[in-house]
């Protein structure tokens, strides 16, 4: 996999047209910003991205549900009997 710096892409935007799969890094901070994948691979990669996105959303919803369940348990349920 080829790595490109942010300044390389800023100085020569035509690099993006030549990229297939590349790692984008910030050389000043020595951090990876992300990965670039060409649109010609979208058919192969899109199902994986959708699956990961679905799993992340379900995990967030489950965590939210657990939090709400705890709030209701703390408040107690009014059964209407006095």
Protein backbone atom coordinates (compact mmCIF):
# COMPACT_ATOMS: atom_id res chain seq x y z
CA UNK A 1 0.00 0.00 0.00
CA UNK A 2 1.29 3.42 -0.90
CA UNK A 3 1.35 6.22 1.64
CA UNK A 4 0.77 9.86 0.77
CA UNK A 5 1.16 12.92 2.92
CA UNK A 6 -1.48 15.62 3.13
CA UNK A 7 0.89 18.20 1.69
CA UNK A 8 1.70 15.90 -1.25
CA UNK A 9 -1.99 15.76 -2.16
CA UNK A 10 -2.46 19.49 -1.63
CA UNK A 11 0.51 20.28 -3.87
CA UNK A 12 -0.45 17.78 -6.56
CA UNK A 13 -4.21 16.94 -6.50
CA UNK A 14 -3.84 14.77 -9.62
CA UNK A 15 -2.29 12.10 -7.35
CA UNK A 16 -5.81 11.08 -6.34
CA UNK A 17 -6.57 10.00 -9.90
CA UNK A 18 -3.54 7.70 -9.88
CA UNK A 19 -4.34 6.12 -6.49
CA UNK A 20 -6.01 2.75 -6.09
CA UNK A 21 -5.59 2.12 -2.40
CA UNK A 22 -3.50 4.46 -0.29
CA UNK A 23 -2.88 5.46 3.29
CA UNK A 24 -3.15 9.20 3.95
CA UNK A 25 -0.83 10.43 6.69
CA UNK A 26 0.03 13.69 8.37
CA UNK A 27 3.81 13.65 8.45
CA UNK A 28 4.04 16.59 10.86
CA UNK A 29 2.04 14.80 13.55
CA UNK A 30 3.10 11.28 12.52
CA UNK A 31 -0.51 10.08 12.45
CA UNK A 32 -2.63 8.19 9.96
CA UNK A 33 -5.63 10.22 8.87
CA UNK A 34 -7.35 7.48 6.93
CA UNK A 35 -7.33 5.40 3.80
CA UNK A 36 -8.28 6.21 0.23
CA UNK A 37 -9.94 3.50 -1.85
CA UNK A 38 -10.72 4.09 -5.48
CA UNK A 39 -14.36 4.00 -6.57
CA UNK A 40 -13.61 1.14 -8.98
CA UNK A 41 -13.46 -1.16 -5.93
CA UNK A 42 -16.81 0.04 -4.57
CA UNK A 43 -18.75 -3.07 -5.58
CA UNK A 44 -16.41 -5.27 -3.54
CA UNK A 45 -16.09 -2.97 -0.55
CA UNK A 46 -19.60 -1.48 -0.20
CA UNK A 47 -21.18 -4.62 1.36
CA UNK A 48 -18.44 -4.70 4.01
CA UNK A 49 -18.83 -1.01 4.81
CA UNK A 50 -22.62 -1.41 5.06
CA UNK A 51 -22.23 -4.42 7.36
CA UNK A 52 -19.83 -2.57 9.66
CA UNK A 53 -22.11 0.48 9.67
CA UNK A 54 -25.13 -1.67 10.59
CA UNK A 55 -23.22 -3.39 13.40
CA UNK A 56 -22.04 -0.04 14.80
CA UNK A 57 -25.59 1.35 14.76
CA UNK A 58 -26.96 -1.76 16.47
CA UNK A 59 -24.28 -1.55 19.16
CA UNK A 60 -25.16 2.10 19.81
CA UNK A 61 -28.88 1.30 19.99
CA UNK A 62 -28.28 -1.59 22.40
CA UNK A 63 -26.14 0.63 24.62
CA UNK A 64 -28.84 3.33 24.58
CA UNK A 65 -31.52 0.76 25.42
CA UNK A 66 -29.50 -0.55 28.36
CA UNK A 67 -29.06 2.99 29.64
CA UNK A 68 -32.80 3.70 29.33
CA UNK A 69 -33.65 0.42 31.05
CA UNK A 70 -31.44 1.43 33.97
CA UNK A 71 -33.13 4.83 34.20
CA UNK A 72 -36.59 3.23 34.32
CA UNK A 73 -35.42 0.74 36.94
CA UNK A 74 -34.09 3.58 39.10
CA UNK A 75 -37.33 5.56 38.82
CA UNK A 76 -39.50 2.59 39.57
CA UNK A 77 -42.78 1.78 37.92
CA UNK A 78 -46.01 3.24 39.25
CA UNK A 79 -48.52 0.41 39.25
CA UNK A 80 -51.41 2.72 40.15
CA UNK A 81 -52.11 1.12 43.54
CA UNK A 82 -52.45 3.57 46.45
